[in-house]
Amino acid sequence: MSRIELCLPELGLDDQPITLSMWLVPRGARVAAGERVVEVLAGPATVDLPSPADGVLVKRLVDEDEPIVVGQPLAVIEMPL
């Protein structure tokens, strides 16, 4: 199995604080590429982040309501070979 990190991408809202609002998928769940995994709040905007690949969400690296920054790893997804 290989692993990939889901990282916070550039949202174009650099002057706004960003917070991980809510996990949409539980740890251990299967995810498909493009499936919504986590919701982040950037100022007044809410953004859903998709899984970068098919696999299983094996680890959450950030808790809900925690501040985050662009490029920060949020989760680890284990992909089948």
PDB file of N, CA and C in Angstrom:
ATOM      1  N   MET A   1       0.845  -1.194   0.000  1.00  0.00           N
ATOM      2  CA  MET A   1       0.000   0.000   0.000  1.00  0.00           C
ATOM      3  C   MET A   1       0.879   1.242   0.000  1.00  0.00           C
ATOM      4  N   SER A   2       0.434   2.238  -0.738  1.00  0.00           N
ATOM      5  CA  SER A   2       1.129   3.522  -0.705  1.00  0.00           C
ATOM      6  C   SER A   2       0.219   4.542  -0.031  1.00  0.00           C
ATOM      7  N   ARG A   3       0.821   5.606   0.421  1.00  0.00           N
ATOM      8  CA  ARG A   3       0.069   6.640   1.145  1.00  0.00           C
ATOM      9  C   ARG A   3       0.263   7.991   0.488  1.00  0.00           C
ATOM     10  N   ILE A   4      -0.768   8.811   0.604  1.00  0.00           N
ATOM     11  CA  ILE A   4      -0.729  10.177   0.094  1.00  0.00           C
ATOM     12  C   ILE A   4      -1.357  11.081   1.150  1.00  0.00           C
ATOM     13  N   GLU A   5      -0.843  12.294   1.249  1.00  0.00           N
ATOM     14  CA  GLU A   5      -1.401  13.258   2.194  1.00  0.00           C
ATOM     15  C   GLU A   5      -2.397  14.167   1.492  1.00  0.00           C
ATOM     16  N   LEU A   6      -3.478  14.465   2.178  1.00  0.00           N
ATOM     17  CA  LEU A   6      -4.419  15.494   1.745  1.00  0.00           C
ATOM     18  C   LEU A   6      -3.948  16.780   2.413  1.00  0.00           C
ATOM     19  N   CYS A   7      -3.500  17.748   1.616  1.00  0.00           N
ATOM     20  CA  CYS A   7      -2.971  19.011   2.137  1.00  0.00           C
ATOM     21  C   CYS A   7      -3.914  20.157   1.795  1.00  0.00           C
ATOM     22  N   LEU A   8      -3.854  21.206   2.593  1.00  0.00           N
ATOM     23  CA  LEU A   8      -4.670  22.389   2.333  1.00  0.00           C
ATOM     24  C   LEU A   8      -4.105  23.132   1.128  1.00  0.00           C
ATOM     25  N   PRO A   9      -4.883  23.243   0.053  1.00  0.00           N
ATOM     26  CA  PRO A   9      -4.397  23.952  -1.136  1.00  0.00           C
ATOM     27  C   PRO A   9      -4.511  25.463  -0.974  1.00  0.00           C
ATOM     28  N   GLU A  10      -3.914  26.176  -1.893  1.00  0.00           N
ATOM     29  CA  GLU A  10      -4.063  27.629  -1.967  1.00  0.00           C
ATOM     30  C   GLU A  10      -5.523  27.927  -2.294  1.00  0.00           C
ATOM     31  N   LEU A  11      -6.178  28.742  -1.472  1.00  0.00           N
ATOM     32  CA  LEU A  11      -7.591  29.043  -1.671  1.00  0.00           C
ATOM     33  C   LEU A  11      -7.830  30.440  -2.233  1.00  0.00           C
ATOM     34  N   GLY A  12      -6.767  31.234  -2.349  1.00  0.00           N
ATOM     35  CA  GLY A  12      -6.927  32.594  -2.852  1.00  0.00           C
ATOM     36  C   GLY A  12      -7.504  33.552  -1.823  1.00  0.00           C
ATOM     37  N   LEU A  13      -7.482  33.148  -0.567  1.00  0.00           N
ATOM     38  CA  LEU A  13      -8.003  33.985   0.522  1.00  0.00           C
ATOM     39  C   LEU A  13      -6.901  34.190   1.561  1.00  0.00           C
ATOM     40  N   ASP A  14      -5.736  34.645   1.102  1.00  0.00           N
ATOM     41  CA  ASP A  14      -4.546  34.723   1.948  1.00  0.00           C
ATOM     42  C   ASP A  14      -4.711  35.580   3.192  1.00  0.00           C
ATOM     43  N   ASP A  15      -5.553  36.591   3.122  1.00  0.00           N
ATOM     44  CA  ASP A  15      -5.683  37.500   4.256  1.00  0.00           C
ATOM     45  C   ASP A  15      -6.692  37.001   5.300  1.00  0.00           C
ATOM     46  N   GLN A  16      -7.288  35.852   5.064  1.00  0.00           N
ATOM     47  CA  GLN A  16      -8.304  35.316   5.977  1.00  0.00           C
ATOM     48  C   GLN A  16      -7.724  34.180   6.825  1.00  0.00           C
ATOM     49  N   PRO A  17      -8.070  34.103   8.110  1.00  0.00           N
ATOM     50  CA  PRO A  17      -7.683  32.937   8.902  1.00  0.00           C
ATOM     51  C   PRO A  17      -8.451  31.715   8.390  1.00  0.00           C
ATOM     52  N   ILE A  18      -7.808  30.563   8.406  1.00  0.00           N
ATOM     53  CA  ILE A  18      -8.430  29.338   7.909  1.00  0.00           C
ATOM     54  C   ILE A  18      -8.513  28.334   9.052  1.00  0.00           C
ATOM     55  N   THR A  19      -9.681  27.697   9.187  1.00  0.00           N
ATOM     56  CA  THR A  19      -9.934  26.734  10.250  1.00  0.00           C
ATOM     57  C   THR A  19     -10.528  25.465   9.658  1.00  0.00           C
ATOM     58  N   LEU A  20     -10.090  24.309  10.171  1.00  0.00           N
ATOM     59  CA  LEU A  20     -10.732  23.056   9.783  1.00  0.00           C
ATOM     60  C   LEU A  20     -12.076  23.023  10.494  1.00  0.00           C
ATOM     61  N   SER A  21     -13.132  23.092   9.741  1.00  0.00           N
ATOM     62  CA  SER A  21     -14.475  23.201  10.299  1.00  0.00           C
ATOM     63  C   SER A  21     -15.062  21.849  10.697  1.00  0.00           C
ATOM     64  N   MET A  22     -15.023  20.887   9.739  1.00  0.00           N
ATOM     65  CA  MET A  22     -15.693  19.618  10.012  1.00  0.00           C
ATOM     66  C   MET A  22     -15.140  18.515   9.110  1.00  0.00           C
ATOM     67  N   TRP A  23     -14.928  17.345   9.695  1.00  0.00           N
ATOM     68  CA  TRP A  23     -14.591  16.159   8.912  1.00  0.00           C
ATOM     69  C   TRP A  23     -15.885  15.592   8.340  1.00  0.00           C
ATOM     70  N   LEU A  24     -15.891  15.287   7.046  1.00  0.00           N
ATOM     71  CA  LEU A  24     -17.076  14.753   6.378  1.00  0.00           C
ATOM     72  C   LEU A  24     -17.013  13.236   6.230  1.00  0.00           C
ATOM     73  N   VAL A  25     -15.837  12.662   6.494  1.00  0.00           N
ATOM     74  CA  VAL A  25     -15.614  11.222   6.369  1.00  0.00           C
ATOM     75  C   VAL A  25     -14.921  10.733   7.638  1.00  0.00           C
ATOM     76  N   PRO A  26     -15.402   9.638   8.234  1.00  0.00           N
ATOM     77  CA  PRO A  26     -14.752   9.123   9.443  1.00  0.00           C
ATOM     78  C   PRO A  26     -13.431   8.421   9.125  1.00  0.00           C
ATOM     79  N   ARG A  27     -12.556   8.362  10.111  1.00  0.00           N
ATOM     80  CA  ARG A  27     -11.306   7.624   9.957  1.00  0.00           C
ATOM     81  C   ARG A  27     -11.637   6.164   9.673  1.00  0.00           C
ATOM     82  N   GLY A  28     -10.917   5.575   8.745  1.00  0.00           N
ATOM     83  CA  GLY A  28     -11.153   4.184   8.377  1.00  0.00           C
ATOM     84  C   GLY A  28     -12.118   4.002   7.217  1.00  0.00           C
ATOM     85  N   ALA A  29     -12.721   5.090   6.760  1.00  0.00           N
ATOM     86  CA  ALA A  29     -13.695   5.002   5.672  1.00  0.00           C
ATOM     87  C   ALA A  29     -12.999   4.996   4.314  1.00  0.00           C
ATOM     88  N   ARG A  30     -13.614   4.299   3.375  1.00  0.00           N
ATOM     89  CA  ARG A  30     -13.141   4.327   1.982  1.00  0.00           C
ATOM     90  C   ARG A  30     -13.570   5.650   1.362  1.00  0.00           C
ATOM     91  N   VAL A  31     -12.671   6.214   0.547  1.00  0.00           N
ATOM     92  CA  VAL A  31     -12.974   7.446  -0.174  1.00  0.00           C
ATOM     93  C   VAL A  31     -12.626   7.269  -1.645  1.00  0.00           C
ATOM     94  N   ALA A  32     -13.339   7.966  -2.493  1.00  0.00           N
ATOM     95  CA  ALA A  32     -13.053   7.968  -3.923  1.00  0.00           C
ATOM     96  C   ALA A  32     -12.374   9.285  -4.281  1.00  0.00           C
ATOM     97  N   ALA A  33     -11.534   9.263  -5.292  1.00  0.00           N
ATOM     98  CA  ALA A  33     -10.908  10.497  -5.763  1.00  0.00           C
ATOM     99  C   ALA A  33     -12.000  11.516  -6.082  1.00  0.00           C
ATOM    100  N   GLY A  34     -11.854  12.711  -5.568  1.00  0.00           N
ATOM    101  CA  GLY A  34     -12.841  13.771  -5.800  1.00  0.00           C
ATOM    102  C   GLY A  34     -13.951  13.827  -4.764  1.00  0.00           C
ATOM    103  N   GLU A  35     -14.058  12.807  -3.907  1.00  0.00           N
ATOM    104  CA  GLU A  35     -15.093  12.793  -2.857  1.00  0.00           C
ATOM    105  C   GLU A  35     -14.741  13.816  -1.779  1.00  0.00           C
ATOM    106  N   ARG A  36     -15.746  14.538  -1.305  1.00  0.00           N
ATOM    107  CA  ARG A  36     -15.539  15.533  -0.238  1.00  0.00           C
ATOM    108  C   ARG A  36     -15.113  14.821   1.049  1.00  0.00           C
ATOM    109  N   VAL A  37     -14.002  15.298   1.645  1.00  0.00           N
ATOM    110  CA  VAL A  37     -13.458  14.668   2.841  1.00  0.00           C
ATOM    111  C   VAL A  37     -13.535  15.586   4.052  1.00  0.00           C
ATOM    112  N   VAL A  38     -13.266  16.869   3.839  1.00  0.00           N
ATOM    113  CA  VAL A  38     -13.177  17.807   4.955  1.00  0.00           C
ATOM    114  C   VAL A  38     -13.693  19.178   4.517  1.00  0.00           C
ATOM    115  N   GLU A  39     -14.227  19.909   5.472  1.00  0.00           N
ATOM    116  CA  GLU A  39     -14.738  21.258   5.231  1.00  0.00           C
ATOM    117  C   GLU A  39     -13.854  22.240   5.991  1.00  0.00           C
ATOM    118  N   VAL A  40     -13.425  23.296   5.299  1.00  0.00           N
ATOM    119  CA  VAL A  40     -12.631  24.334   5.950  1.00  0.00           C
ATOM    120  C   VAL A  40     -13.345  25.670   5.837  1.00  0.00           C
ATOM    121  N   LEU A  41     -13.088  26.520   6.803  1.00  0.00           N
ATOM    122  CA  LEU A  41     -13.659  27.866   6.838  1.00  0.00           C
ATOM    123  C   LEU A  41     -12.538  28.859   6.623  1.00  0.00           C
ATOM    124  N   ALA A  42     -12.674  29.697   5.609  1.00  0.00           N
ATOM    125  CA  ALA A  42     -11.702  30.750   5.323  1.00  0.00           C
ATOM    126  C   ALA A  42     -12.462  32.065   5.324  1.00  0.00           C
ATOM    127  N   GLY A  43     -12.437  32.764   6.458  1.00  0.00           N
ATOM    128  CA  GLY A  43     -13.235  33.983   6.593  1.00  0.00           C
ATOM    129  C   GLY A  43     -14.704  33.621   6.464  1.00  0.00           C
ATOM    130  N   PRO A  44     -15.432  34.279   5.557  1.00  0.00           N
ATOM    131  CA  PRO A  44     -16.857  33.971   5.402  1.00  0.00           C
ATOM    132  C   PRO A  44     -17.122  32.769   4.481  1.00  0.00           C
ATOM    133  N   ALA A  45     -16.084  32.266   3.812  1.00  0.00           N
ATOM    134  CA  ALA A  45     -16.262  31.187   2.830  1.00  0.00           C
ATOM    135  C   ALA A  45     -16.068  29.806   3.453  1.00  0.00           C
ATOM    136  N   THR A  46     -16.925  28.871   3.051  1.00  0.00           N
ATOM    137  CA  THR A  46     -16.781  27.471   3.426  1.00  0.00           C
ATOM    138  C   THR A  46     -16.360  26.708   2.176  1.00  0.00           C
ATOM    139  N   VAL A  47     -15.296  25.903   2.313  1.00  0.00           N
ATOM    140  CA  VAL A  47     -14.749  25.169   1.173  1.00  0.00           C
ATOM    141  C   VAL A  47     -14.638  23.698   1.542  1.00  0.00           C
ATOM    142  N   ASP A  48     -15.168  22.820   0.681  1.00  0.00           N
ATOM    143  CA  ASP A  48     -15.026  21.378   0.862  1.00  0.00           C
ATOM    144  C   ASP A  48     -13.802  20.917   0.089  1.00  0.00           C
ATOM    145  N   LEU A  49     -12.940  20.138   0.742  1.00  0.00           N
ATOM    146  CA  LEU A  49     -11.745  19.626   0.078  1.00  0.00           C
ATOM    147  C   LEU A  49     -11.958  18.169  -0.308  1.00  0.00           C
ATOM    148  N   PRO A  50     -11.618  17.816  -1.552  1.00  0.00           N
ATOM    149  CA  PRO A  50     -11.819  16.450  -2.029  1.00  0.00           C
ATOM    150  C   PRO A  50     -10.610  15.558  -1.761  1.00  0.00           C
ATOM    151  N   SER A  51     -10.856  14.267  -1.780  1.00  0.00           N
ATOM    152  CA  SER A  51      -9.781  13.288  -1.690  1.00  0.00           C
ATOM    153  C   SER A  51      -8.955  13.356  -2.974  1.00  0.00           C
ATOM    154  N   PRO A  52      -7.619  13.315  -2.851  1.00  0.00           N
ATOM    155  CA  PRO A  52      -6.791  13.350  -4.055  1.00  0.00           C
ATOM    156  C   PRO A  52      -6.697  11.994  -4.769  1.00  0.00           C
ATOM    157  N   ALA A  53      -7.207  10.923  -4.110  1.00  0.00           N
ATOM    158  CA  ALA A  53      -7.082   9.585  -4.699  1.00  0.00           C
ATOM    159  C   ALA A  53      -8.097   8.636  -4.072  1.00  0.00           C
ATOM    160  N   ASP A  54      -8.320   7.508  -4.734  1.00  0.00           N
ATOM    161  CA  ASP A  54      -9.119   6.431  -4.142  1.00  0.00           C
ATOM    162  C   ASP A  54      -8.307   5.788  -3.028  1.00  0.00           C
ATOM    163  N   GLY A  55      -8.971   5.424  -1.933  1.00  0.00           N
ATOM    164  CA  GLY A  55      -8.264   4.747  -0.853  1.00  0.00           C
ATOM    165  C   GLY A  55      -9.061   4.747   0.427  1.00  0.00           C
ATOM    166  N   VAL A  56      -8.333   4.666   1.547  1.00  0.00           N
ATOM    167  CA  VAL A  56      -8.932   4.659   2.882  1.00  0.00           C
ATOM    168  C   VAL A  56      -8.306   5.785   3.690  1.00  0.00           C
ATOM    169  N   LEU A  57      -9.149   6.588   4.328  1.00  0.00           N
ATOM    170  CA  LEU A  57      -8.654   7.653   5.193  1.00  0.00           C
ATOM    171  C   LEU A  57      -8.149   6.989   6.478  1.00  0.00           C
ATOM    172  N   VAL A  58      -6.830   6.861   6.600  1.00  0.00           N
ATOM    173  CA  VAL A  58      -6.261   6.120   7.725  1.00  0.00           C
ATOM    174  C   VAL A  58      -5.865   7.000   8.904  1.00  0.00           C
ATOM    175  N   LYS A  59      -5.674   8.295   8.657  1.00  0.00           N
ATOM    176  CA  LYS A  59      -5.226   9.153   9.753  1.00  0.00           C
ATOM    177  C   LYS A  59      -5.672  10.586   9.532  1.00  0.00           C
ATOM    178  N   ARG A  60      -6.209  11.195  10.579  1.00  0.00           N
ATOM    179  CA  ARG A  60      -6.517  12.628  10.590  1.00  0.00           C
ATOM    180  C   ARG A  60      -5.372  13.318  11.319  1.00  0.00           C
ATOM    181  N   LEU A  61      -4.823  14.358  10.728  1.00  0.00           N
ATOM    182  CA  LEU A  61      -3.687  15.053  11.319  1.00  0.00           C
ATOM    183  C   LEU A  61      -4.070  16.352  12.004  1.00  0.00           C
ATOM    184  N   VAL A  62      -5.321  16.772  11.830  1.00  0.00           N
ATOM    185  CA  VAL A  62      -5.809  18.036  12.393  1.00  0.00           C
ATOM    186  C   VAL A  62      -7.195  17.792  12.985  1.00  0.00           C
ATOM    187  N   ASP A  63      -7.457  18.403  14.127  1.00  0.00           N
ATOM    188  CA  ASP A  63      -8.770  18.296  14.761  1.00  0.00           C
ATOM    189  C   ASP A  63      -9.704  19.386  14.254  1.00  0.00           C
ATOM    190  N   GLU A  64     -11.005  19.160  14.414  1.00  0.00           N
ATOM    191  CA  GLU A  64     -11.997  20.182  14.065  1.00  0.00           C
ATOM    192  C   GLU A  64     -11.763  21.429  14.905  1.00  0.00           C
ATOM    193  N   ASP A  65     -12.040  22.576  14.323  1.00  0.00           N
ATOM    194  CA  ASP A  65     -11.895  23.901  14.930  1.00  0.00           C
ATOM    195  C   ASP A  65     -10.442  24.318  15.142  1.00  0.00           C
ATOM    196  N   GLU A  66      -9.500  23.596  14.544  1.00  0.00           N
ATOM    197  CA  GLU A  66      -8.086  23.929  14.656  1.00  0.00           C
ATOM    198  C   GLU A  66      -7.674  24.832  13.492  1.00  0.00           C
ATOM    199  N   PRO A  67      -6.880  25.888  13.764  1.00  0.00           N
ATOM    200  CA  PRO A  67      -6.402  26.733  12.675  1.00  0.00           C
ATOM    201  C   PRO A  67      -5.413  25.958  11.802  1.00  0.00           C
ATOM    202  N   ILE A  68      -5.436  26.242  10.480  1.00  0.00           N
ATOM    203  CA  ILE A  68      -4.557  25.561   9.538  1.00  0.00           C
ATOM    204  C   ILE A  68      -3.974  26.571   8.556  1.00  0.00           C
ATOM    205  N   VAL A  69      -2.912  26.154   7.865  1.00  0.00           N
ATOM    206  CA  VAL A  69      -2.260  27.040   6.898  1.00  0.00           C
ATOM    207  C   VAL A  69      -2.111  26.328   5.559  1.00  0.00           C
ATOM    208  N   VAL A  70      -1.976  27.093   4.497  1.00  0.00           N
ATOM    209  CA  VAL A  70      -1.812  26.551   3.150  1.00  0.00           C
ATOM    210  C   VAL A  70      -0.611  25.604   3.123  1.00  0.00           C
ATOM    211  N   GLY A  71      -0.813  24.442   2.515  1.00  0.00           N
ATOM    212  CA  GLY A  71       0.236  23.443   2.397  1.00  0.00           C
ATOM    213  C   GLY A  71       0.285  22.451   3.548  1.00  0.00           C
ATOM    214  N   GLN A  72      -0.441  22.724   4.619  1.00  0.00           N
ATOM    215  CA  GLN A  72      -0.420  21.846   5.789  1.00  0.00           C
ATOM    216  C   GLN A  72      -1.114  20.520   5.483  1.00  0.00           C
ATOM    217  N   PRO A  73      -0.475  19.381   5.820  1.00  0.00           N
ATOM    218  CA  PRO A  73      -1.139  18.087   5.682  1.00  0.00           C
ATOM    219  C   PRO A  73      -2.303  17.975   6.671  1.00  0.00           C
ATOM    220  N   LEU A  74      -3.458  17.517   6.170  1.00  0.00           N
ATOM    221  CA  LEU A  74      -4.654  17.391   7.001  1.00  0.00           C
ATOM    222  C   LEU A  74      -4.991  15.942   7.310  1.00  0.00           C
ATOM    223  N   ALA A  75      -4.673  15.043   6.371  1.00  0.00           N
ATOM    224  CA  ALA A  75      -5.034  13.634   6.533  1.00  0.00           C
ATOM    225  C   ALA A  75      -4.097  12.767   5.695  1.00  0.00           C
ATOM    226  N   VAL A  76      -4.095  11.483   6.026  1.00  0.00           N
ATOM    227  CA  VAL A  76      -3.334  10.499   5.248  1.00  0.00           C
ATOM    228  C   VAL A  76      -4.316   9.511   4.654  1.00  0.00           C
ATOM    229  N   ILE A  77      -4.172   9.268   3.343  1.00  0.00           N
ATOM    230  CA  ILE A  77      -5.021   8.315   2.637  1.00  0.00           C
ATOM    231  C   ILE A  77      -4.129   7.183   2.126  1.00  0.00           C
ATOM    232  N   GLU A  78      -4.511   5.960   2.476  1.00  0.00           N
ATOM    233  CA  GLU A  78      -3.786   4.791   2.028  1.00  0.00           C
ATOM    234  C   GLU A  78      -4.439   4.278   0.748  1.00  0.00           C
ATOM    235  N   MET A  79      -3.620   4.127  -0.292  1.00  0.00           N
ATOM    236  CA  MET A  79      -4.132   3.734  -1.601  1.00  0.00           C
ATOM    237  C   MET A  79      -3.736   2.295  -1.902  1.00  0.00           C
ATOM    238  N   PRO A  80      -4.645   1.520  -2.508  1.00  0.00           N
ATOM    239  CA  PRO A  80      -4.284   0.164  -2.908  1.00  0.00           C
ATOM    240  C   PRO A  80      -3.269   0.205  -4.046  1.00  0.00           C
ATOM    241  N   LEU A  81      -2.440  -0.817  -4.116  1.00  0.00           N
ATOM    242  CA  LEU A  81      -1.439  -0.884  -5.207  1.00  0.00           C
ATOM    243  C   LEU A  81      -2.053  -1.378  -6.483  1.00  0.00           C
TER     244      LEU A  81
END
